[in-house]
Every structure is written in structure tokens, then in C-alpha cells.
Amino acid sequence: MFRSVSLVLAVFLTSSVASAQTSPYENSVEDRACRGDARRFCKDDIPDQFKIGSCLQEHREKLSRACKAMLDSHGM
């Protein structure tokens, strides 16, 4: 599970850097699934991948459907 959190957050952070250089429409839906939730609930934890993962788990009930689905698909 910890490995899944790391993978998801690595994708999230990588896509955040990439989005600064490219159009937001070039990122996949999966890359963007939790970006808004992370900014909303975990802004003080960015860029620490592990803290963001823990934070998203703590706020799971408040997350968007897309983010919950992405976390579920990664076994989190």
C-alpha cells in the first residue's frame, strides 16, 4: 500500500511540473484525478509525496469521485 501511495504521488508531482510547461489538456485524467483535492486539503504537505498520500487518506470522505476512484484503482 505504501508503494502505491508513493507511485500515485510521484505521478501527481511529475504531472504538476509538466503542467507548468504544457497545456492542462495534455495530461491524462488519472494524472489530474487528485490534483485539486491535494491542493485543497493537503497544500501544506506539498511537495512531500508521503505526507500528501497520508493527507488524502485522512480526507478520503471529502475527496472527489475521480480521486477516490483513482486511489481505489491503485489499492489505496
N, C-alpha and C. Protein backbone atom coordinates (compact mmCIF):
# COMPACT_ATOMS: atom_id res chain seq x y z
N MET A 1 0.83 -1.19 0.00
CA MET A 1 0.00 0.00 0.00
C MET A 1 0.88 1.26 0.00
N PHE A 2 1.91 1.25 0.80
CA PHE A 2 2.81 2.40 0.87
C PHE A 2 3.45 2.65 -0.48
N ARG A 3 3.78 1.57 -1.18
CA ARG A 3 4.37 1.70 -2.51
C ARG A 3 3.38 2.33 -3.49
N SER A 4 2.11 1.94 -3.39
CA SER A 4 1.07 2.51 -4.26
C SER A 4 0.91 4.00 -4.02
N VAL A 5 0.94 4.41 -2.75
CA VAL A 5 0.83 5.83 -2.42
C VAL A 5 1.99 6.58 -3.04
N SER A 6 3.18 6.02 -2.92
CA SER A 6 4.36 6.67 -3.48
C SER A 6 4.25 6.81 -4.99
N LEU A 7 3.79 5.75 -5.65
CA LEU A 7 3.66 5.79 -7.10
C LEU A 7 2.65 6.84 -7.54
N VAL A 8 1.50 6.85 -6.91
CA VAL A 8 0.45 7.81 -7.26
C VAL A 8 0.94 9.24 -7.05
N LEU A 9 1.60 9.46 -5.95
CA LEU A 9 2.06 10.82 -5.66
C LEU A 9 3.21 11.23 -6.56
N ALA A 10 4.04 10.29 -6.94
CA ALA A 10 5.11 10.61 -7.89
C ALA A 10 4.51 11.04 -9.22
N VAL A 11 3.48 10.34 -9.66
CA VAL A 11 2.79 10.71 -10.90
C VAL A 11 2.16 12.09 -10.74
N PHE A 12 1.54 12.32 -9.60
CA PHE A 12 0.90 13.61 -9.33
C PHE A 12 1.92 14.75 -9.39
N LEU A 13 3.02 14.59 -8.71
CA LEU A 13 4.02 15.66 -8.67
C LEU A 13 4.70 15.86 -10.01
N THR A 14 4.97 14.77 -10.70
CA THR A 14 5.56 14.86 -12.03
C THR A 14 4.62 15.58 -12.98
N SER A 15 3.35 15.25 -12.89
CA SER A 15 2.38 15.89 -13.77
C SER A 15 2.19 17.36 -13.43
N SER A 16 2.37 17.71 -12.15
CA SER A 16 2.27 19.11 -11.76
C SER A 16 3.37 19.94 -12.40
N VAL A 17 4.57 19.40 -12.41
CA VAL A 17 5.69 20.09 -13.04
C VAL A 17 5.46 20.16 -14.55
N ALA A 18 5.02 19.07 -15.12
CA ALA A 18 4.77 19.04 -16.56
C ALA A 18 3.66 20.01 -16.95
N SER A 19 2.66 20.15 -16.09
CA SER A 19 1.55 21.03 -16.45
C SER A 19 1.97 22.49 -16.48
N ALA A 20 3.02 22.81 -15.78
CA ALA A 20 3.53 24.18 -15.83
C ALA A 20 4.17 24.47 -17.19
N GLN A 21 4.55 23.39 -17.88
CA GLN A 21 5.22 23.54 -19.16
C GLN A 21 4.33 23.23 -20.35
N THR A 22 3.21 22.57 -20.12
CA THR A 22 2.33 22.15 -21.21
C THR A 22 0.89 22.56 -20.91
N SER A 23 0.06 22.35 -21.88
CA SER A 23 -1.36 22.61 -21.71
C SER A 23 -1.96 21.62 -20.72
N PRO A 24 -2.90 22.05 -19.87
CA PRO A 24 -3.51 21.12 -18.92
C PRO A 24 -4.26 20.00 -19.61
N TYR A 25 -4.63 20.17 -20.86
CA TYR A 25 -5.37 19.14 -21.58
C TYR A 25 -4.47 18.02 -22.07
N GLU A 26 -3.16 18.20 -21.97
CA GLU A 26 -2.24 17.16 -22.41
C GLU A 26 -1.99 16.11 -21.33
N ASN A 27 -2.41 16.37 -20.10
CA ASN A 27 -2.23 15.42 -19.01
C ASN A 27 -3.39 14.43 -19.01
N SER A 28 -3.11 13.20 -18.59
CA SER A 28 -4.16 12.19 -18.55
C SER A 28 -5.13 12.48 -17.42
N VAL A 29 -6.30 11.90 -17.51
CA VAL A 29 -7.32 12.06 -16.46
C VAL A 29 -6.78 11.53 -15.14
N GLU A 30 -6.05 10.42 -15.20
CA GLU A 30 -5.50 9.84 -13.96
C GLU A 30 -4.53 10.80 -13.29
N ASP A 31 -3.71 11.48 -14.08
CA ASP A 31 -2.75 12.43 -13.52
C ASP A 31 -3.45 13.57 -12.79
N ARG A 32 -4.59 13.95 -13.30
CA ARG A 32 -5.30 15.09 -12.74
C ARG A 32 -6.33 14.72 -11.68
N ALA A 33 -6.56 13.44 -11.44
CA ALA A 33 -7.65 12.99 -10.59
C ALA A 33 -7.61 13.58 -9.19
N CYS A 34 -6.45 13.65 -8.58
CA CYS A 34 -6.35 14.11 -7.19
C CYS A 34 -5.67 15.47 -7.03
N ARG A 35 -5.30 16.09 -8.13
CA ARG A 35 -4.57 17.35 -8.05
C ARG A 35 -5.35 18.41 -7.28
N GLY A 36 -6.61 18.60 -7.61
CA GLY A 36 -7.42 19.60 -6.92
C GLY A 36 -7.63 19.28 -5.45
N ASP A 37 -7.86 18.00 -5.17
CA ASP A 37 -8.06 17.58 -3.78
C ASP A 37 -6.77 17.78 -2.97
N ALA A 38 -5.63 17.46 -3.56
CA ALA A 38 -4.36 17.65 -2.87
C ALA A 38 -4.12 19.14 -2.58
N ARG A 39 -4.43 19.97 -3.53
CA ARG A 39 -4.28 21.42 -3.31
C ARG A 39 -5.26 21.93 -2.26
N ARG A 40 -6.45 21.38 -2.25
CA ARG A 40 -7.49 21.84 -1.32
C ARG A 40 -7.20 21.37 0.10
N PHE A 41 -6.90 20.09 0.28
CA PHE A 41 -6.79 19.52 1.62
C PHE A 41 -5.36 19.37 2.12
N CYS A 42 -4.39 19.35 1.23
CA CYS A 42 -3.02 18.99 1.62
C CYS A 42 -1.99 20.01 1.18
N LYS A 43 -2.38 21.25 0.97
CA LYS A 43 -1.45 22.24 0.41
C LYS A 43 -0.21 22.44 1.28
N ASP A 44 -0.32 22.26 2.58
CA ASP A 44 0.84 22.43 3.45
C ASP A 44 1.81 21.26 3.34
N ASP A 45 1.36 20.14 2.76
CA ASP A 45 2.20 18.94 2.64
C ASP A 45 2.94 18.86 1.30
N ILE A 46 2.54 19.68 0.35
CA ILE A 46 3.18 19.68 -0.97
C ILE A 46 4.57 20.29 -0.82
N PRO A 47 5.63 19.67 -1.29
CA PRO A 47 5.74 18.61 -2.28
C PRO A 47 6.03 17.23 -1.68
N ASP A 48 5.90 17.04 -0.37
CA ASP A 48 6.23 15.75 0.26
C ASP A 48 5.22 14.67 -0.15
N GLN A 49 5.62 13.75 -1.00
CA GLN A 49 4.74 12.73 -1.55
C GLN A 49 4.06 11.90 -0.46
N PHE A 50 4.82 11.53 0.54
CA PHE A 50 4.29 10.65 1.58
C PHE A 50 3.26 11.37 2.45
N LYS A 51 3.52 12.63 2.76
CA LYS A 51 2.56 13.42 3.53
C LYS A 51 1.28 13.64 2.74
N ILE A 52 1.40 13.89 1.44
CA ILE A 52 0.21 14.07 0.60
C ILE A 52 -0.62 12.80 0.60
N GLY A 53 0.02 11.66 0.46
CA GLY A 53 -0.70 10.38 0.47
C GLY A 53 -1.45 10.17 1.76
N SER A 54 -0.79 10.44 2.87
CA SER A 54 -1.43 10.30 4.18
C SER A 54 -2.59 11.29 4.32
N CYS A 55 -2.36 12.49 3.86
CA CYS A 55 -3.39 13.53 3.93
C CYS A 55 -4.62 13.14 3.12
N LEU A 56 -4.40 12.64 1.91
CA LEU A 56 -5.54 12.23 1.08
C LEU A 56 -6.31 11.10 1.74
N GLN A 57 -5.60 10.19 2.38
CA GLN A 57 -6.27 9.10 3.10
C GLN A 57 -7.10 9.66 4.26
N GLU A 58 -6.57 10.63 4.98
CA GLU A 58 -7.28 11.24 6.10
C GLU A 58 -8.55 11.96 5.65
N HIS A 59 -8.55 12.50 4.44
CA HIS A 59 -9.68 13.26 3.91
C HIS A 59 -10.49 12.47 2.89
N ARG A 60 -10.34 11.17 2.88
CA ARG A 60 -10.95 10.32 1.86
C ARG A 60 -12.45 10.58 1.68
N GLU A 61 -13.16 10.79 2.75
CA GLU A 61 -14.61 11.01 2.65
C GLU A 61 -14.97 12.30 1.92
N LYS A 62 -14.05 13.25 1.89
CA LYS A 62 -14.30 14.55 1.27
C LYS A 62 -13.76 14.64 -0.16
N LEU A 63 -13.03 13.63 -0.62
CA LEU A 63 -12.38 13.68 -1.93
C LEU A 63 -13.39 13.59 -3.07
N SER A 64 -12.98 14.08 -4.21
CA SER A 64 -13.80 13.98 -5.41
C SER A 64 -13.95 12.52 -5.82
N ARG A 65 -14.99 12.23 -6.58
CA ARG A 65 -15.21 10.87 -7.06
C ARG A 65 -14.02 10.36 -7.87
N ALA A 66 -13.48 11.24 -8.71
CA ALA A 66 -12.36 10.84 -9.57
C ALA A 66 -11.15 10.46 -8.73
N CYS A 67 -10.87 11.22 -7.69
CA CYS A 67 -9.72 10.93 -6.85
C CYS A 67 -9.94 9.64 -6.07
N LYS A 68 -11.14 9.46 -5.52
CA LYS A 68 -11.45 8.20 -4.81
C LYS A 68 -11.30 7.01 -5.73
N ALA A 69 -11.79 7.14 -6.95
CA ALA A 69 -11.70 6.04 -7.92
C ALA A 69 -10.25 5.74 -8.26
N MET A 70 -9.44 6.77 -8.42
CA MET A 70 -8.04 6.57 -8.74
C MET A 70 -7.32 5.90 -7.56
N LEU A 71 -7.61 6.34 -6.35
CA LEU A 71 -6.99 5.72 -5.17
C LEU A 71 -7.43 4.25 -5.07
N ASP A 72 -8.71 3.99 -5.28
CA ASP A 72 -9.21 2.61 -5.24
C ASP A 72 -8.53 1.74 -6.31
N SER A 73 -8.36 2.30 -7.48
CA SER A 73 -7.74 1.53 -8.57
C SER A 73 -6.27 1.19 -8.29
N HIS A 74 -5.65 1.96 -7.40
CA HIS A 74 -4.26 1.71 -7.02
C HIS A 74 -4.17 0.99 -5.67
N GLY A 75 -5.30 0.48 -5.19
CA GLY A 75 -5.31 -0.29 -3.95
C GLY A 75 -5.04 0.52 -2.70
N MET A 76 -5.46 1.75 -2.71
CA MET A 76 -5.22 2.61 -1.55
C MET A 76 -6.50 2.87 -0.79
